[in-house]
ModelCIF file with pLDDT and N, C-alpha, C, O atoms, coordinates in Angstrom:
data_MODEL
#
_entry.id   MODEL 
#
_entity.id                         1 
_entity.type                       polymer 
_entity.pdbx_number_of_molecules   1 
#
_entity_poly.entity_id                      1 
_entity_poly.type                           'polypeptide(L)' 
_entity_poly.nstd_linkage                   no 
_entity_poly.nstd_monomer                   no 
_entity_poly.pdbx_seq_one_letter_code       VHGCFWHQHPGCRAATLPKTRTDFWRGKLEANVLRDSRVQDELRA 
_entity_poly.pdbx_seq_one_letter_code_can   VHGCFWHQHPGCRAATLPKTRTDFWRGKLEANVLRDSRVQDELRA 
_entity_poly.pdbx_strand_id                 A 
#
loop_
_entity_poly_seq.entity_id 
_entity_poly_seq.num 
_entity_poly_seq.mon_id 
_entity_poly_seq.hetero 
1 1  VAL n 
1 2  HIS n 
1 3  GLY n 
1 4  CYS n 
1 5  PHE n 
1 6  TRP n 
1 7  HIS n 
1 8  GLN n 
1 9  HIS n 
1 10 PRO n 
1 11 GLY n 
1 12 CYS n 
1 13 ARG n 
1 14 ALA n 
1 15 ALA n 
1 16 THR n 
1 17 LEU n 
1 18 PRO n 
1 19 LYS n 
1 20 THR n 
1 21 ARG n 
1 22 THR n 
1 23 ASP n 
1 24 PHE n 
1 25 TRP n 
1 26 ARG n 
1 27 GLY n 
1 28 LYS n 
1 29 LEU n 
1 30 GLU n 
1 31 ALA n 
1 32 ASN n 
1 33 VAL n 
1 34 LEU n 
1 35 ARG n 
1 36 ASP n 
1 37 SER n 
1 38 ARG n 
1 39 VAL n 
1 40 GLN n 
1 41 ASP n 
1 42 GLU n 
1 43 LEU n 
1 44 ARG n 
1 45 ALA n 
#
_struct_asym.id          A 
_struct_asym.entity_id   1 
#
loop_
_ma_qa_metric.id 
_ma_qa_metric.mode 
_ma_qa_metric.name 
_ma_qa_metric.software_group_id 
_ma_qa_metric.type 
1 global pLDDT . pLDDT 
2 local  pLDDT . pLDDT 
#
_ma_qa_metric_global.metric_id      1 
_ma_qa_metric_global.metric_value   93.84 
_ma_qa_metric_global.model_id       1 
_ma_qa_metric_global.ordinal_id     1 
#
loop_
_ma_qa_metric_local.label_asym_id 
_ma_qa_metric_local.label_comp_id 
_ma_qa_metric_local.label_seq_id 
_ma_qa_metric_local.metric_id 
_ma_qa_metric_local.metric_value 
_ma_qa_metric_local.model_id 
_ma_qa_metric_local.ordinal_id 
A VAL 1  2 95.00 1 1  
A HIS 2  2 94.00 1 2  
A GLY 3  2 92.00 1 3  
A CYS 4  2 94.00 1 4  
A PHE 5  2 92.00 1 5  
A TRP 6  2 90.00 1 6  
A HIS 7  2 95.00 1 7  
A GLN 8  2 95.00 1 8  
A HIS 9  2 96.00 1 9  
A PRO 10 2 94.00 1 10 
A GLY 11 2 94.00 1 11 
A CYS 12 2 94.00 1 12 
A ARG 13 2 93.00 1 13 
A ALA 14 2 92.00 1 14 
A ALA 15 2 91.00 1 15 
A THR 16 2 90.00 1 16 
A LEU 17 2 89.00 1 17 
A PRO 18 2 87.00 1 18 
A LYS 19 2 87.00 1 19 
A THR 20 2 85.00 1 20 
A ARG 21 2 87.00 1 21 
A THR 22 2 90.00 1 22 
A ASP 23 2 94.00 1 23 
A PHE 24 2 92.00 1 24 
A TRP 25 2 91.00 1 25 
A ARG 26 2 94.00 1 26 
A GLY 27 2 95.00 1 27 
A LYS 28 2 94.00 1 28 
A LEU 29 2 95.00 1 29 
A GLU 30 2 96.00 1 30 
A ALA 31 2 96.00 1 31 
A ASN 32 2 96.00 1 32 
A VAL 33 2 97.00 1 33 
A LEU 34 2 97.00 1 34 
A ARG 35 2 97.00 1 35 
A ASP 36 2 97.00 1 36 
A SER 37 2 97.00 1 37 
A ARG 38 2 97.00 1 38 
A VAL 39 2 97.00 1 39 
A GLN 40 2 98.00 1 40 
A ASP 41 2 98.00 1 41 
A GLU 42 2 97.00 1 42 
A LEU 43 2 97.00 1 43 
A ARG 44 2 97.00 1 44 
A ALA 45 2 98.00 1 45 
#
loop_
_atom_site.group_PDB 
_atom_site.id 
_atom_site.type_symbol 
_atom_site.label_atom_id 
_atom_site.label_alt_id 
_atom_site.label_comp_id 
_atom_site.label_asym_id 
_atom_site.label_entity_id 
_atom_site.label_seq_id 
_atom_site.pdbx_PDB_ins_code 
_atom_site.Cartn_x 
_atom_site.Cartn_y 
_atom_site.Cartn_z 
_atom_site.occupancy 
_atom_site.B_iso_or_equiv 
_atom_site.pdbx_formal_charge 
_atom_site.auth_seq_id 
_atom_site.auth_comp_id 
_atom_site.auth_asym_id 
_atom_site.auth_atom_id 
_atom_site.pdbx_PDB_model_num 
ATOM 1   N N  . VAL A 1 1  ? 7.356   -11.462 7.472   1.00 95.00 ? 1  VAL A N  1 
ATOM 2   C CA . VAL A 1 1  ? 8.779   -11.171 7.370   1.00 95.00 ? 1  VAL A CA 1 
ATOM 3   C C  . VAL A 1 1  ? 8.904   -10.074 6.326   1.00 95.00 ? 1  VAL A C  1 
ATOM 4   O O  . VAL A 1 1  ? 8.744   -10.312 5.129   1.00 95.00 ? 1  VAL A O  1 
ATOM 5   N N  . HIS A 1 2  ? 9.193   -8.865  6.803   1.00 94.00 ? 2  HIS A N  1 
ATOM 6   C CA . HIS A 1 2  ? 9.209   -7.696  5.925   1.00 94.00 ? 2  HIS A CA 1 
ATOM 7   C C  . HIS A 1 2  ? 10.624  -7.277  5.551   1.00 94.00 ? 2  HIS A C  1 
ATOM 8   O O  . HIS A 1 2  ? 11.516  -7.193  6.395   1.00 94.00 ? 2  HIS A O  1 
ATOM 9   N N  . GLY A 1 3  ? 10.799  -7.017  4.259   1.00 92.00 ? 3  GLY A N  1 
ATOM 10  C CA . GLY A 1 3  ? 12.022  -6.387  3.789   1.00 92.00 ? 3  GLY A CA 1 
ATOM 11  C C  . GLY A 1 3  ? 11.957  -4.903  4.140   1.00 92.00 ? 3  GLY A C  1 
ATOM 12  O O  . GLY A 1 3  ? 10.924  -4.263  3.944   1.00 92.00 ? 3  GLY A O  1 
ATOM 13  N N  . CYS A 1 4  ? 13.038  -4.363  4.649   1.00 94.00 ? 4  CYS A N  1 
ATOM 14  C CA . CYS A 1 4  ? 13.042  -2.977  5.131   1.00 94.00 ? 4  CYS A CA 1 
ATOM 15  C C  . CYS A 1 4  ? 12.760  -1.973  4.014   1.00 94.00 ? 4  CYS A C  1 
ATOM 16  O O  . CYS A 1 4  ? 12.094  -0.965  4.250   1.00 94.00 ? 4  CYS A O  1 
ATOM 17  N N  . PHE A 1 5  ? 13.250  -2.229  2.814   1.00 92.00 ? 5  PHE A N  1 
ATOM 18  C CA . PHE A 1 5  ? 12.992  -1.318  1.696   1.00 92.00 ? 5  PHE A CA 1 
ATOM 19  C C  . PHE A 1 5  ? 11.533  -1.389  1.269   1.00 92.00 ? 5  PHE A C  1 
ATOM 20  O O  . PHE A 1 5  ? 10.856  -0.363  1.202   1.00 92.00 ? 5  PHE A O  1 
ATOM 21  N N  . TRP A 1 6  ? 11.047  -2.584  0.981   1.00 90.00 ? 6  TRP A N  1 
ATOM 22  C CA . TRP A 1 6  ? 9.707   -2.743  0.423   1.00 90.00 ? 6  TRP A CA 1 
ATOM 23  C C  . TRP A 1 6  ? 8.608   -2.317  1.372   1.00 90.00 ? 6  TRP A C  1 
ATOM 24  O O  . TRP A 1 6  ? 7.545   -1.875  0.936   1.00 90.00 ? 6  TRP A O  1 
ATOM 25  N N  . HIS A 1 7  ? 8.857   -2.449  2.678   1.00 95.00 ? 7  HIS A N  1 
ATOM 26  C CA . HIS A 1 7  ? 7.828   -2.114  3.661   1.00 95.00 ? 7  HIS A CA 1 
ATOM 27  C C  . HIS A 1 7  ? 8.200   -0.886  4.480   1.00 95.00 ? 7  HIS A C  1 
ATOM 28  O O  . HIS A 1 7  ? 7.528   -0.559  5.459   1.00 95.00 ? 7  HIS A O  1 
ATOM 29  N N  . GLN A 1 8  ? 9.268   -0.211  4.080   1.00 95.00 ? 8  GLN A N  1 
ATOM 30  C CA . GLN A 1 8  ? 9.684   1.075   4.658   1.00 95.00 ? 8  GLN A CA 1 
ATOM 31  C C  . GLN A 1 8  ? 9.782   1.029   6.182   1.00 95.00 ? 8  GLN A C  1 
ATOM 32  O O  . GLN A 1 8  ? 9.035   1.704   6.891   1.00 95.00 ? 8  GLN A O  1 
ATOM 33  N N  . HIS A 1 9  ? 10.707  0.226   6.660   1.00 96.00 ? 9  HIS A N  1 
ATOM 34  C CA . HIS A 1 9  ? 10.960  0.087   8.094   1.00 96.00 ? 9  HIS A CA 1 
ATOM 35  C C  . HIS A 1 9  ? 11.372  1.443   8.672   1.00 96.00 ? 9  HIS A C  1 
ATOM 36  O O  . HIS A 1 9  ? 12.406  1.993   8.294   1.00 96.00 ? 9  HIS A O  1 
ATOM 37  N N  . PRO A 1 10 ? 10.558  1.982   9.593   1.00 94.00 ? 10 PRO A N  1 
ATOM 38  C CA . PRO A 1 10 ? 10.867  3.310   10.152  1.00 94.00 ? 10 PRO A CA 1 
ATOM 39  C C  . PRO A 1 10 ? 12.250  3.352   10.810  1.00 94.00 ? 10 PRO A C  1 
ATOM 40  O O  . PRO A 1 10 ? 12.586  2.498   11.631  1.00 94.00 ? 10 PRO A O  1 
ATOM 41  N N  . GLY A 1 11 ? 13.034  4.349   10.439  1.00 94.00 ? 11 GLY A N  1 
ATOM 42  C CA . GLY A 1 11 ? 14.354  4.545   11.020  1.00 94.00 ? 11 GLY A CA 1 
ATOM 43  C C  . GLY A 1 11 ? 15.449  3.658   10.464  1.00 94.00 ? 11 GLY A C  1 
ATOM 44  O O  . GLY A 1 11 ? 16.599  3.766   10.891  1.00 94.00 ? 11 GLY A O  1 
ATOM 45  N N  . CYS A 1 12 ? 15.128  2.792   9.533   1.00 94.00 ? 12 CYS A N  1 
ATOM 46  C CA . CYS A 1 12 ? 16.120  1.864   8.984   1.00 94.00 ? 12 CYS A CA 1 
ATOM 47  C C  . CYS A 1 12 ? 16.834  2.502   7.794   1.00 94.00 ? 12 CYS A C  1 
ATOM 48  O O  . CYS A 1 12 ? 16.206  3.161   6.965   1.00 94.00 ? 12 CYS A O  1 
ATOM 49  N N  . ARG A 1 13 ? 18.136  2.305   7.716   1.00 93.00 ? 13 ARG A N  1 
ATOM 50  C CA . ARG A 1 13 ? 18.899  2.902   6.616   1.00 93.00 ? 13 ARG A CA 1 
ATOM 51  C C  . ARG A 1 13 ? 18.581  2.249   5.268   1.00 93.00 ? 13 ARG A C  1 
ATOM 52  O O  . ARG A 1 13 ? 18.885  2.819   4.220   1.00 93.00 ? 13 ARG A O  1 
ATOM 53  N N  . ALA A 1 14 ? 17.979  1.071   5.286   1.00 92.00 ? 14 ALA A N  1 
ATOM 54  C CA . ALA A 1 14 ? 17.608  0.400   4.036   1.00 92.00 ? 14 ALA A CA 1 
ATOM 55  C C  . ALA A 1 14 ? 16.282  0.920   3.480   1.00 92.00 ? 14 ALA A C  1 
ATOM 56  O O  . ALA A 1 14 ? 15.921  0.619   2.343   1.00 92.00 ? 14 ALA A O  1 
ATOM 57  N N  . ALA A 1 15 ? 15.567  1.692   4.275   1.00 91.00 ? 15 ALA A N  1 
ATOM 58  C CA . ALA A 1 15 ? 14.246  2.185   3.858   1.00 91.00 ? 15 ALA A CA 1 
ATOM 59  C C  . ALA A 1 15 ? 14.377  3.536   3.169   1.00 91.00 ? 15 ALA A C  1 
ATOM 60  O O  . ALA A 1 15 ? 13.747  4.515   3.570   1.00 91.00 ? 15 ALA A O  1 
ATOM 61  N N  . THR A 1 16 ? 15.193  3.577   2.137   1.00 90.00 ? 16 THR A N  1 
ATOM 62  C CA . THR A 1 16 ? 15.422  4.819   1.413   1.00 90.00 ? 16 THR A CA 1 
ATOM 63  C C  . THR A 1 16 ? 14.600  4.850   0.137   1.00 90.00 ? 16 THR A C  1 
ATOM 64  O O  . THR A 1 16 ? 14.159  3.817   -0.367  1.00 90.00 ? 16 THR A O  1 
ATOM 65  N N  . LEU A 1 17 ? 14.407  6.034   -0.366  1.00 89.00 ? 17 LEU A N  1 
ATOM 66  C CA . LEU A 1 17 ? 13.677  6.226   -1.607  1.00 89.00 ? 17 LEU A CA 1 
ATOM 67  C C  . LEU A 1 17 ? 14.677  6.217   -2.765  1.00 89.00 ? 17 LEU A C  1 
ATOM 68  O O  . LEU A 1 17 ? 15.680  6.928   -2.711  1.00 89.00 ? 17 LEU A O  1 
ATOM 69  N N  . PRO A 1 18 ? 14.424  5.430   -3.805  1.00 87.00 ? 18 PRO A N  1 
ATOM 70  C CA . PRO A 1 18 ? 15.338  5.430   -4.957  1.00 87.00 ? 18 PRO A CA 1 
ATOM 71  C C  . PRO A 1 18 ? 15.501  6.830   -5.548  1.00 87.00 ? 18 PRO A C  1 
ATOM 72  O O  . PRO A 1 18 ? 14.605  7.668   -5.442  1.00 87.00 ? 18 PRO A O  1 
ATOM 73  N N  . LYS A 1 19 ? 16.633  7.066   -6.157  1.00 87.00 ? 19 LYS A N  1 
ATOM 74  C CA . LYS A 1 19 ? 16.951  8.387   -6.698  1.00 87.00 ? 19 LYS A CA 1 
ATOM 75  C C  . LYS A 1 19 ? 16.285  8.651   -8.050  1.00 87.00 ? 19 LYS A C  1 
ATOM 76  O O  . LYS A 1 19 ? 16.192  9.800   -8.483  1.00 87.00 ? 19 LYS A O  1 
ATOM 77  N N  . THR A 1 20 ? 15.826  7.593   -8.714  1.00 85.00 ? 20 THR A N  1 
ATOM 78  C CA . THR A 1 20 ? 15.134  7.775   -9.987  1.00 85.00 ? 20 THR A CA 1 
ATOM 79  C C  . THR A 1 20 ? 13.673  7.403   -9.826  1.00 85.00 ? 20 THR A C  1 
ATOM 80  O O  . THR A 1 20 ? 13.323  6.565   -8.995  1.00 85.00 ? 20 THR A O  1 
ATOM 81  N N  . ARG A 1 21 ? 12.823  8.028   -10.625 1.00 87.00 ? 21 ARG A N  1 
ATOM 82  C CA . ARG A 1 21 ? 11.380  7.776   -10.612 1.00 87.00 ? 21 ARG A CA 1 
ATOM 83  C C  . ARG A 1 21 ? 10.822  7.880   -9.199  1.00 87.00 ? 21 ARG A C  1 
ATOM 84  O O  . ARG A 1 21 ? 10.044  7.028   -8.770  1.00 87.00 ? 21 ARG A O  1 
ATOM 85  N N  . THR A 1 22 ? 11.219  8.922   -8.477  1.00 90.00 ? 22 THR A N  1 
ATOM 86  C CA . THR A 1 22 ? 10.847  9.059   -7.069  1.00 90.00 ? 22 THR A CA 1 
ATOM 87  C C  . THR A 1 22 ? 9.333   9.122   -6.860  1.00 90.00 ? 22 THR A C  1 
ATOM 88  O O  . THR A 1 22 ? 8.829   8.582   -5.876  1.00 90.00 ? 22 THR A O  1 
ATOM 89  N N  . ASP A 1 23 ? 8.607   9.767   -7.762  1.00 94.00 ? 23 ASP A N  1 
ATOM 90  C CA . ASP A 1 23 ? 7.154   9.833   -7.599  1.00 94.00 ? 23 ASP A CA 1 
ATOM 91  C C  . ASP A 1 23 ? 6.538   8.438   -7.653  1.00 94.00 ? 23 ASP A C  1 
ATOM 92  O O  . ASP A 1 23 ? 5.666   8.109   -6.848  1.00 94.00 ? 23 ASP A O  1 
ATOM 93  N N  . PHE A 1 24 ? 6.992   7.619   -8.602  1.00 92.00 ? 24 PHE A N  1 
ATOM 94  C CA . PHE A 1 24 ? 6.508   6.251   -8.720  1.00 92.00 ? 24 PHE A CA 1 
ATOM 95  C C  . PHE A 1 24 ? 6.807   5.471   -7.449  1.00 92.00 ? 24 PHE A C  1 
ATOM 96  O O  . PHE A 1 24 ? 5.915   4.858   -6.862  1.00 92.00 ? 24 PHE A O  1 
ATOM 97  N N  . TRP A 1 25 ? 8.077   5.496   -7.022  1.00 91.00 ? 25 TRP A N  1 
ATOM 98  C CA . TRP A 1 25 ? 8.489   4.717   -5.861  1.00 91.00 ? 25 TRP A CA 1 
ATOM 99  C C  . TRP A 1 25 ? 7.819   5.206   -4.575  1.00 91.00 ? 25 TRP A C  1 
ATOM 100 O O  . TRP A 1 25 ? 7.427   4.394   -3.738  1.00 91.00 ? 25 TRP A O  1 
ATOM 101 N N  . ARG A 1 26 ? 7.687   6.505   -4.413  1.00 94.00 ? 26 ARG A N  1 
ATOM 102 C CA . ARG A 1 26 ? 7.042   7.042   -3.212  1.00 94.00 ? 26 ARG A CA 1 
ATOM 103 C C  . ARG A 1 26 ? 5.610   6.494   -3.119  1.00 94.00 ? 26 ARG A C  1 
ATOM 104 O O  . ARG A 1 26 ? 5.185   6.028   -2.062  1.00 94.00 ? 26 ARG A O  1 
ATOM 105 N N  . GLY A 1 27 ? 4.880   6.554   -4.226  1.00 95.00 ? 27 GLY A N  1 
ATOM 106 C CA . GLY A 1 27 ? 3.506   6.055   -4.235  1.00 95.00 ? 27 GLY A CA 1 
ATOM 107 C C  . GLY A 1 27 ? 3.434   4.560   -3.953  1.00 95.00 ? 27 GLY A C  1 
ATOM 108 O O  . GLY A 1 27 ? 2.597   4.107   -3.172  1.00 95.00 ? 27 GLY A O  1 
ATOM 109 N N  . LYS A 1 28 ? 4.313   3.799   -4.590  1.00 94.00 ? 28 LYS A N  1 
ATOM 110 C CA . LYS A 1 28 ? 4.309   2.344   -4.418  1.00 94.00 ? 28 LYS A CA 1 
ATOM 111 C C  . LYS A 1 28 ? 4.632   1.960   -2.981  1.00 94.00 ? 28 LYS A C  1 
ATOM 112 O O  . LYS A 1 28 ? 3.947   1.130   -2.384  1.00 94.00 ? 28 LYS A O  1 
ATOM 113 N N  . LEU A 1 29 ? 5.673   2.562   -2.434  1.00 95.00 ? 29 LEU A N  1 
ATOM 114 C CA . LEU A 1 29 ? 6.097   2.198   -1.081  1.00 95.00 ? 29 LEU A CA 1 
ATOM 115 C C  . LEU A 1 29 ? 5.100   2.675   -0.026  1.00 95.00 ? 29 LEU A C  1 
ATOM 116 O O  . LEU A 1 29 ? 4.857   1.973   0.956   1.00 95.00 ? 29 LEU A O  1 
ATOM 117 N N  . GLU A 1 30 ? 4.523   3.856   -0.219  1.00 96.00 ? 30 GLU A N  1 
ATOM 118 C CA . GLU A 1 30 ? 3.494   4.336   0.712   1.00 96.00 ? 30 GLU A CA 1 
ATOM 119 C C  . GLU A 1 30 ? 2.267   3.427   0.672   1.00 96.00 ? 30 GLU A C  1 
ATOM 120 O O  . GLU A 1 30 ? 1.644   3.178   1.704   1.00 96.00 ? 30 GLU A O  1 
ATOM 121 N N  . ALA A 1 31 ? 1.923   2.936   -0.505  1.00 96.00 ? 31 ALA A N  1 
ATOM 122 C CA . ALA A 1 31 ? 0.790   2.013   -0.627  1.00 96.00 ? 31 ALA A CA 1 
ATOM 123 C C  . ALA A 1 31 ? 1.079   0.705   0.121   1.00 96.00 ? 31 ALA A C  1 
ATOM 124 O O  . ALA A 1 31 ? 0.183   0.134   0.742   1.00 96.00 ? 31 ALA A O  1 
ATOM 125 N N  . ASN A 1 32 ? 2.324   0.237   0.061   1.00 96.00 ? 32 ASN A N  1 
ATOM 126 C CA . ASN A 1 32 ? 2.709   -0.971  0.798   1.00 96.00 ? 32 ASN A CA 1 
ATOM 127 C C  . ASN A 1 32 ? 2.515   -0.763  2.299   1.00 96.00 ? 32 ASN A C  1 
ATOM 128 O O  . ASN A 1 32 ? 1.965   -1.625  2.984   1.00 96.00 ? 32 ASN A O  1 
ATOM 129 N N  . VAL A 1 33 ? 2.968   0.382   2.806   1.00 97.00 ? 33 VAL A N  1 
ATOM 130 C CA . VAL A 1 33 ? 2.863   0.678   4.238   1.00 97.00 ? 33 VAL A CA 1 
ATOM 131 C C  . VAL A 1 33 ? 1.395   0.763   4.657   1.00 97.00 ? 33 VAL A C  1 
ATOM 132 O O  . VAL A 1 33 ? 1.014   0.229   5.699   1.00 97.00 ? 33 VAL A O  1 
ATOM 133 N N  . LEU A 1 34 ? 0.578   1.428   3.854   1.00 97.00 ? 34 LEU A N  1 
ATOM 134 C CA . LEU A 1 34 ? -0.852  1.528   4.170   1.00 97.00 ? 34 LEU A CA 1 
ATOM 135 C C  . LEU A 1 34 ? -1.526  0.164   4.159   1.00 97.00 ? 34 LEU A C  1 
ATOM 136 O O  . LEU A 1 34 ? -2.349  -0.134  5.025   1.00 97.00 ? 34 LEU A O  1 
ATOM 137 N N  . ARG A 1 35 ? -1.176  -0.669  3.177   1.00 97.00 ? 35 ARG A N  1 
ATOM 138 C CA . ARG A 1 35 ? -1.744  -2.010  3.100   1.00 97.00 ? 35 ARG A CA 1 
ATOM 139 C C  . ARG A 1 35 ? -1.324  -2.836  4.315   1.00 97.00 ? 35 ARG A C  1 
ATOM 140 O O  . ARG A 1 35 ? -2.143  -3.553  4.890   1.00 97.00 ? 35 ARG A O  1 
ATOM 141 N N  . ASP A 1 36 ? -0.049  -2.740  4.710   1.00 97.00 ? 36 ASP A N  1 
ATOM 142 C CA . ASP A 1 36 ? 0.433   -3.473  5.879   1.00 97.00 ? 36 ASP A CA 1 
ATOM 143 C C  . ASP A 1 36 ? -0.369  -3.096  7.120   1.00 97.00 ? 36 ASP A C  1 
ATOM 144 O O  . ASP A 1 36 ? -0.758  -3.963  7.902   1.00 97.00 ? 36 ASP A O  1 
ATOM 145 N N  . SER A 1 37 ? -0.611  -1.816  7.294   1.00 97.00 ? 37 SER A N  1 
ATOM 146 C CA . SER A 1 37 ? -1.366  -1.331  8.454   1.00 97.00 ? 37 SER A CA 1 
ATOM 147 C C  . SER A 1 37 ? -2.797  -1.852  8.424   1.00 97.00 ? 37 SER A C  1 
ATOM 148 O O  . SER A 1 37 ? -3.320  -2.308  9.440   1.00 97.00 ? 37 SER A O  1 
ATOM 149 N N  . ARG A 1 38 ? -3.428  -1.782  7.256   1.00 97.00 ? 38 ARG A N  1 
ATOM 150 C CA . ARG A 1 38 ? -4.800  -2.260  7.111   1.00 97.00 ? 38 ARG A CA 1 
ATOM 151 C C  . ARG A 1 38 ? -4.891  -3.755  7.406   1.00 97.00 ? 38 ARG A C  1 
ATOM 152 O O  . ARG A 1 38 ? -5.805  -4.196  8.102   1.00 97.00 ? 38 ARG A O  1 
ATOM 153 N N  . VAL A 1 39 ? -3.951  -4.531  6.880   1.00 97.00 ? 39 VAL A N  1 
ATOM 154 C CA . VAL A 1 39 ? -3.946  -5.981  7.072   1.00 97.00 ? 39 VAL A CA 1 
ATOM 155 C C  . VAL A 1 39 ? -3.786  -6.320  8.556   1.00 97.00 ? 39 VAL A C  1 
ATOM 156 O O  . VAL A 1 39 ? -4.474  -7.202  9.068   1.00 97.00 ? 39 VAL A O  1 
ATOM 157 N N  . GLN A 1 40 ? -2.882  -5.622  9.245   1.00 98.00 ? 40 GLN A N  1 
ATOM 158 C CA . GLN A 1 40 ? -2.687  -5.882  10.672  1.00 98.00 ? 40 GLN A CA 1 
ATOM 159 C C  . GLN A 1 40 ? -3.953  -5.540  11.465  1.00 98.00 ? 40 GLN A C  1 
ATOM 160 O O  . GLN A 1 40 ? -4.319  -6.263  12.391  1.00 98.00 ? 40 GLN A O  1 
ATOM 161 N N  . ASP A 1 41 ? -4.614  -4.448  11.107  1.00 98.00 ? 41 ASP A N  1 
ATOM 162 C CA . ASP A 1 41 ? -5.872  -4.082  11.770  1.00 98.00 ? 41 ASP A CA 1 
ATOM 163 C C  . ASP A 1 41 ? -6.937  -5.158  11.545  1.00 98.00 ? 41 ASP A C  1 
ATOM 164 O O  . ASP A 1 41 ? -7.672  -5.504  12.470  1.00 98.00 ? 41 ASP A O  1 
ATOM 165 N N  . GLU A 1 42 ? -7.024  -5.686  10.327  1.00 97.00 ? 42 GLU A N  1 
ATOM 166 C CA . GLU A 1 42 ? -8.002  -6.723  10.011  1.00 97.00 ? 42 GLU A CA 1 
ATOM 167 C C  . GLU A 1 42 ? -7.716  -7.998  10.800  1.00 97.00 ? 42 GLU A C  1 
ATOM 168 O O  . GLU A 1 42 ? -8.637  -8.653  11.287  1.00 97.00 ? 42 GLU A O  1 
ATOM 169 N N  . LEU A 1 43 ? -6.434  -8.346  10.922  1.00 97.00 ? 43 LEU A N  1 
ATOM 170 C CA . LEU A 1 43 ? -6.082  -9.541  11.689  1.00 97.00 ? 43 LEU A CA 1 
ATOM 171 C C  . LEU A 1 43 ? -6.436  -9.366  13.162  1.00 97.00 ? 43 LEU A C  1 
ATOM 172 O O  . LEU A 1 43 ? -6.993  -10.274 13.779  1.00 97.00 ? 43 LEU A O  1 
ATOM 173 N N  . ARG A 1 44 ? -6.114  -8.200  13.729  1.00 97.00 ? 44 ARG A N  1 
ATOM 174 C CA . ARG A 1 44 ? -6.449  -7.941  15.137  1.00 97.00 ? 44 ARG A CA 1 
ATOM 175 C C  . ARG A 1 44 ? -7.960  -8.029  15.352  1.00 97.00 ? 44 ARG A C  1 
ATOM 176 O O  . ARG A 1 44 ? -8.424  -8.606  16.336  1.00 97.00 ? 44 ARG A O  1 
ATOM 177 N N  . ALA A 1 45 ? -8.715  -7.454  14.426  1.00 98.00 ? 45 ALA A N  1 
ATOM 178 C CA . ALA A 1 45 ? -10.176 -7.471  14.536  1.00 98.00 ? 45 ALA A CA 1 
ATOM 179 C C  . ALA A 1 45 ? -10.721 -8.900  14.485  1.00 98.00 ? 45 ALA A C  1 
ATOM 180 O O  . ALA A 1 45 ? -11.933 -9.101  14.564  1.00 98.00 ? 45 ALA A O  1 
#
């Protein structure tokens, strides 16, 4: 069960980047998306 902000739901209006500390948030949220993808691949395997 993914929160749209934390897991950056594609096309969702809640998946926005905060206006402050954008470099920090961009890195954190991109890492979440990459981890989600890796975890799903591991489960499928």
